[in-house]
Amino acid sequence: MPTLIAHPTRIQAAGNKPKLIDEYIGRVNSKTSASSVAHMRSPAGWVEPGQTPEFDEVTVVLKGMLRVEHKEGFFEVQAGQAVIAHAGEWVRYSTPGAEGAEYIAVCLPAFSMESVQRDQ
């Protein structure tokens, strides 16, 4: 039988400014470890620590621009575009644009604080 997810759980975000993370599917809201799906809204000037996660992360930008730094440089992912950050690769996410960004993140397997491996 399908499982209805009636509402997300608000998750505390890392970074220099408040960012909204609403987890629909994942270890917290649905007790799912195979994958996680979260709706993110980050303000202008937000940046989080770099990370080398143990999961793949697919991000679809809905509004604004998400900067994704990696070992060779960075991508500026615009509304209507997506990016895949592969497990074991260092990345850092930020929203330097004036309007911030709104995006959906899907992690395979699901995001966890233990598997994100943030920089110190």
Protein backbone atom coordinates (compact mmCIF):
# COMPACT_ATOMS: atom_id res chain seq x y z
CA MET A 1 0.00 0.00 0.00
CA PRO A 2 1.33 3.51 -0.74
CA THR A 3 2.35 5.70 2.20
CA LEU A 4 0.91 9.20 2.46
CA ILE A 5 3.33 11.82 3.76
CA ALA A 6 0.93 14.38 5.24
CA HIS A 7 3.54 17.04 5.99
CA PRO A 8 7.32 17.54 6.21
CA THR A 9 9.51 17.90 9.28
CA ARG A 10 11.57 21.08 9.61
CA ILE A 11 15.26 20.19 9.94
CA GLN A 12 17.97 22.45 11.37
CA ALA A 13 20.41 23.59 8.69
CA ALA A 14 24.16 24.13 8.75
CA GLY A 15 25.62 27.37 7.48
CA ASN A 16 26.18 31.00 8.27
CA LYS A 17 22.52 32.12 7.91
CA PRO A 18 19.15 30.52 8.64
CA LYS A 19 18.02 28.17 5.86
CA LEU A 20 14.70 26.31 5.73
CA ILE A 21 14.86 22.54 5.20
CA ASP A 22 11.57 20.65 5.04
CA GLU A 23 12.20 16.91 4.87
CA TYR A 24 9.36 14.95 3.25
CA ILE A 25 11.12 11.61 2.87
CA GLY A 26 14.08 10.58 4.99
CA ARG A 27 15.41 9.28 8.25
CA VAL A 28 13.53 11.87 10.35
CA ASN A 29 10.10 12.37 8.75
CA SER A 30 9.31 9.00 7.16
CA LYS A 31 11.93 6.80 8.86
CA THR A 32 13.28 5.98 5.38
CA SER A 33 16.98 5.18 4.92
CA ALA A 34 17.04 4.33 1.20
CA SER A 35 16.50 7.93 0.09
CA SER A 36 15.61 11.40 1.30
CA VAL A 37 13.70 14.23 -0.35
CA ALA A 38 13.81 17.76 1.07
CA HIS A 39 12.55 21.19 0.03
CA MET A 40 15.24 23.81 0.69
CA ARG A 41 14.98 27.60 0.85
CA SER A 42 18.21 29.48 1.49
CA PRO A 43 18.68 33.24 1.76
CA ALA A 44 21.05 35.49 -0.16
CA GLY A 45 24.60 35.11 1.13
CA TRP A 46 24.07 31.67 2.72
CA VAL A 47 27.02 29.27 2.66
CA GLU A 48 27.52 25.94 4.42
CA PRO A 49 30.70 24.05 5.28
CA GLY A 50 32.19 21.83 2.60
CA GLN A 51 31.37 18.15 2.77
CA THR A 52 32.40 14.77 1.36
CA PRO A 53 29.15 12.82 1.71
CA GLU A 54 28.70 9.06 1.51
CA PHE A 55 25.56 9.54 -0.62
CA ASP A 56 24.69 10.84 -4.08
CA GLU A 57 22.76 14.11 -3.97
CA VAL A 58 20.55 15.24 -6.85
CA THR A 59 19.49 18.89 -6.62
CA VAL A 60 16.84 20.57 -8.78
CA VAL A 61 16.77 24.36 -8.52
CA LEU A 62 13.26 25.84 -8.60
CA LYS A 63 14.09 29.54 -8.04
CA GLY A 64 17.25 31.60 -7.88
CA MET A 65 20.75 30.14 -8.20
CA LEU A 66 22.64 27.53 -6.17
CA ARG A 67 26.43 27.59 -6.34
CA VAL A 68 28.04 24.16 -6.05
CA GLU A 69 31.79 24.28 -5.44
CA HIS A 70 33.85 21.17 -6.19
CA LYS A 71 37.57 20.30 -6.41
CA GLU A 72 37.90 21.66 -9.98
CA GLY A 73 35.86 24.86 -9.59
CA PHE A 74 32.13 25.49 -9.29
CA PHE A 75 28.76 25.35 -11.06
CA GLU A 76 26.11 28.05 -10.83
CA VAL A 77 22.93 26.00 -11.06
CA GLN A 78 20.05 28.20 -12.24
CA ALA A 79 16.28 27.72 -11.86
CA GLY A 80 15.23 24.90 -14.19
CA GLN A 81 18.61 23.16 -13.95
CA ALA A 82 19.88 20.26 -11.83
CA VAL A 83 23.19 18.93 -10.57
CA ILE A 84 24.35 15.56 -9.24
CA ALA A 85 26.99 15.50 -6.51
CA HIS A 86 28.42 11.98 -6.36
CA ALA A 87 29.22 10.11 -3.16
CA GLY A 88 32.82 10.58 -2.06
CA GLU A 89 33.31 13.89 -3.90
CA TRP A 90 33.93 17.12 -1.96
CA VAL A 91 31.28 19.82 -2.50
CA ARG A 92 30.14 23.05 -0.85
CA TYR A 93 26.75 24.65 -1.44
CA SER A 94 25.97 28.36 -1.25
CA THR A 95 23.49 30.95 -2.50
CA PRO A 96 25.48 34.12 -3.21
CA GLY A 97 22.79 35.71 -5.44
CA ALA A 98 20.54 38.52 -4.20
CA GLU A 99 17.40 36.33 -4.25
CA GLY A 100 18.84 33.23 -2.57
CA ALA A 101 17.48 29.94 -3.89
CA GLU A 102 14.70 27.41 -3.58
CA TYR A 103 15.45 23.82 -4.52
CA ILE A 104 14.66 20.15 -4.01
CA ALA A 105 17.43 17.80 -2.83
CA VAL A 106 17.25 14.02 -3.17
CA CYS A 107 19.89 11.91 -1.40
CA LEU A 108 20.60 8.24 -2.16
CA PRO A 109 20.88 6.71 0.42
CA ALA A 110 19.14 9.13 2.76
CA PHE A 111 20.96 12.09 4.29
CA SER A 112 22.33 11.62 7.79
CA MET A 113 24.61 13.71 9.98
CA GLU A 114 26.98 10.73 10.20
CA SER A 115 27.27 10.25 6.44
CA VAL A 116 27.51 13.92 5.32
CA GLN A 117 31.12 14.26 6.59
CA ARG A 118 31.27 18.05 6.86
CA ASP A 119 34.61 19.88 6.91
CA GLN A 120 35.83 20.84 10.38
